[in-house]
Amino acid sequence: MLRSNKEKQNELEFVCIEELVPEDHLLRKVDKHIDFSFITDKVRPLYCENNGRPSIDPVVLFKMMFIGYLFGIRSERQLEKEIRV
């Protein structure tokens, strides 16, 4: 049966990150022992405050690359897929 897009259904699902990651997971240990807030101070001079597109948080980018290194994920595309999971 062919339907038009006029009848869209929107669903919301609430997910708690704490429930998705096991208590003994390596990434929980890394997050507990390493404070990544220094990255923002290091890269602040490289970003323009009032011009350009909004940036992705540099801490998030660094954590993504760190995860790729820890788990041996060489492809950035594969890394993005794995992080979404």
C-alpha atoms as a PDB file:
ATOM      1  CA  MET A   1       0.000   0.000   0.000  1.00  0.00           C
ATOM      2  CA  LEU A   2       1.345   3.354  -0.990  1.00  0.00           C
ATOM      3  CA  ARG A   3       1.186   6.076   1.639  1.00  0.00           C
ATOM      4  CA  SER A   4       2.068   9.692   1.507  1.00  0.00           C
ATOM      5  CA  ASN A   5       4.354  11.391   3.997  1.00  0.00           C
ATOM      6  CA  LYS A   6       1.484  13.479   5.301  1.00  0.00           C
ATOM      7  CA  GLU A   7       0.806  10.979   8.051  1.00  0.00           C
ATOM      8  CA  LYS A   8       4.090  10.882   9.890  1.00  0.00           C
ATOM      9  CA  GLN A   9       4.373   9.185  13.201  1.00  0.00           C
ATOM     10  CA  ASN A  10       6.869  10.518  15.682  1.00  0.00           C
ATOM     11  CA  GLU A  11       8.073   8.314  18.498  1.00  0.00           C
ATOM     12  CA  LEU A  12      10.376   9.143  21.338  1.00  0.00           C
ATOM     13  CA  GLU A  13      12.466   6.688  23.271  1.00  0.00           C
ATOM     14  CA  PHE A  14      14.188   7.664  26.469  1.00  0.00           C
ATOM     15  CA  VAL A  15      17.466   5.885  27.004  1.00  0.00           C
ATOM     16  CA  CYS A  16      19.747   6.249  29.988  1.00  0.00           C
ATOM     17  CA  ILE A  17      23.432   6.152  29.032  1.00  0.00           C
ATOM     18  CA  GLU A  18      24.216   4.613  32.421  1.00  0.00           C
ATOM     19  CA  GLU A  19      22.145   1.563  31.471  1.00  0.00           C
ATOM     20  CA  LEU A  20      23.870   1.086  28.106  1.00  0.00           C
ATOM     21  CA  VAL A  21      27.458   0.896  29.358  1.00  0.00           C
ATOM     22  CA  PRO A  22      28.322  -1.889  31.808  1.00  0.00           C
ATOM     23  CA  GLU A  23      29.779  -0.894  35.193  1.00  0.00           C
ATOM     24  CA  ASP A  24      33.111  -2.647  34.547  1.00  0.00           C
ATOM     25  CA  HIS A  25      33.620  -1.306  31.009  1.00  0.00           C
ATOM     26  CA  LEU A  26      37.062   0.070  30.128  1.00  0.00           C
ATOM     27  CA  LEU A  27      35.633   3.420  29.013  1.00  0.00           C
ATOM     28  CA  ARG A  28      34.090   4.009  32.448  1.00  0.00           C
ATOM     29  CA  LYS A  29      37.535   3.516  33.999  1.00  0.00           C
ATOM     30  CA  VAL A  30      39.146   5.890  31.505  1.00  0.00           C
ATOM     31  CA  ASP A  31      36.481   8.536  32.138  1.00  0.00           C
ATOM     32  CA  LYS A  32      36.925   8.169  35.889  1.00  0.00           C
ATOM     33  CA  HIS A  33      40.703   8.607  35.869  1.00  0.00           C
ATOM     34  CA  ILE A  34      41.353  11.058  33.018  1.00  0.00           C
ATOM     35  CA  ASP A  35      40.088  14.630  33.028  1.00  0.00           C
ATOM     36  CA  PHE A  36      39.790  15.700  29.391  1.00  0.00           C
ATOM     37  CA  SER A  37      38.877  19.308  30.169  1.00  0.00           C
ATOM     38  CA  PHE A  38      42.439  20.453  29.396  1.00  0.00           C
ATOM     39  CA  ILE A  39      41.759  19.924  25.696  1.00  0.00           C
ATOM     40  CA  THR A  40      39.366  22.872  25.494  1.00  0.00           C
ATOM     41  CA  ASP A  41      42.022  25.241  26.862  1.00  0.00           C
ATOM     42  CA  LYS A  42      44.637  23.897  24.452  1.00  0.00           C
ATOM     43  CA  VAL A  43      42.523  24.360  21.323  1.00  0.00           C
ATOM     44  CA  ARG A  44      40.708  27.591  22.229  1.00  0.00           C
ATOM     45  CA  PRO A  45      43.167  29.811  20.251  1.00  0.00           C
ATOM     46  CA  LEU A  46      42.531  27.714  17.135  1.00  0.00           C
ATOM     47  CA  TYR A  47      38.802  28.518  17.019  1.00  0.00           C
ATOM     48  CA  CYS A  48      37.194  31.815  16.045  1.00  0.00           C
ATOM     49  CA  GLU A  49      34.746  33.116  18.646  1.00  0.00           C
ATOM     50  CA  ASN A  50      32.445  35.056  16.301  1.00  0.00           C
ATOM     51  CA  ASN A  51      32.880  33.693  12.794  1.00  0.00           C
ATOM     52  CA  GLY A  52      32.376  30.396  11.002  1.00  0.00           C
ATOM     53  CA  ARG A  53      30.205  27.368  11.549  1.00  0.00           C
ATOM     54  CA  PRO A  54      29.501  26.011  15.017  1.00  0.00           C
ATOM     55  CA  SER A  55      32.132  23.450  15.895  1.00  0.00           C
ATOM     56  CA  ILE A  56      31.900  19.962  17.289  1.00  0.00           C
ATOM     57  CA  ASP A  57      33.190  19.830  20.841  1.00  0.00           C
ATOM     58  CA  PRO A  58      36.962  19.188  20.600  1.00  0.00           C
ATOM     59  CA  VAL A  59      36.791  16.975  23.686  1.00  0.00           C
ATOM     60  CA  VAL A  60      34.293  14.720  21.912  1.00  0.00           C
ATOM     61  CA  LEU A  61      36.541  14.522  18.841  1.00  0.00           C
ATOM     62  CA  PHE A  62      39.553  13.673  20.990  1.00  0.00           C
ATOM     63  CA  LYS A  63      37.613  11.005  22.873  1.00  0.00           C
ATOM     64  CA  MET A  64      36.493   9.493  19.571  1.00  0.00           C
ATOM     65  CA  MET A  65      40.072   9.208  18.347  1.00  0.00           C
ATOM     66  CA  PHE A  66      41.148   7.848  21.732  1.00  0.00           C
ATOM     67  CA  ILE A  67      38.467   5.146  21.530  1.00  0.00           C
ATOM     68  CA  GLY A  68      39.595   4.290  18.009  1.00  0.00           C
ATOM     69  CA  TYR A  69      43.143   3.852  19.258  1.00  0.00           C
ATOM     70  CA  LEU A  70      42.131   1.782  22.296  1.00  0.00           C
ATOM     71  CA  PHE A  71      39.943  -0.605  20.314  1.00  0.00           C
ATOM     72  CA  GLY A  72      42.067  -0.736  17.159  1.00  0.00           C
ATOM     73  CA  ILE A  73      39.518   0.916  14.877  1.00  0.00           C
ATOM     74  CA  ARG A  74      41.509   2.354  11.989  1.00  0.00           C
ATOM     75  CA  SER A  75      38.715   3.658   9.800  1.00  0.00           C
ATOM     76  CA  GLU A  76      37.031   6.892  10.821  1.00  0.00           C
ATOM     77  CA  ARG A  77      33.809   5.738   9.189  1.00  0.00           C
ATOM     78  CA  GLN A  78      33.892   2.493  11.144  1.00  0.00           C
ATOM     79  CA  LEU A  79      34.712   4.459  14.304  1.00  0.00           C
ATOM     80  CA  GLU A  80      31.645   6.644  13.819  1.00  0.00           C
ATOM     81  CA  LYS A  81      29.456   3.549  13.361  1.00  0.00           C
ATOM     82  CA  GLU A  82      30.879   1.884  16.465  1.00  0.00           C
ATOM     83  CA  ILE A  83      30.422   4.982  18.600  1.00  0.00           C
ATOM     84  CA  ARG A  84      26.768   5.261  17.591  1.00  0.00           C
ATOM     85  CA  VAL A  85      26.245   1.721  18.870  1.00  0.00           C
END
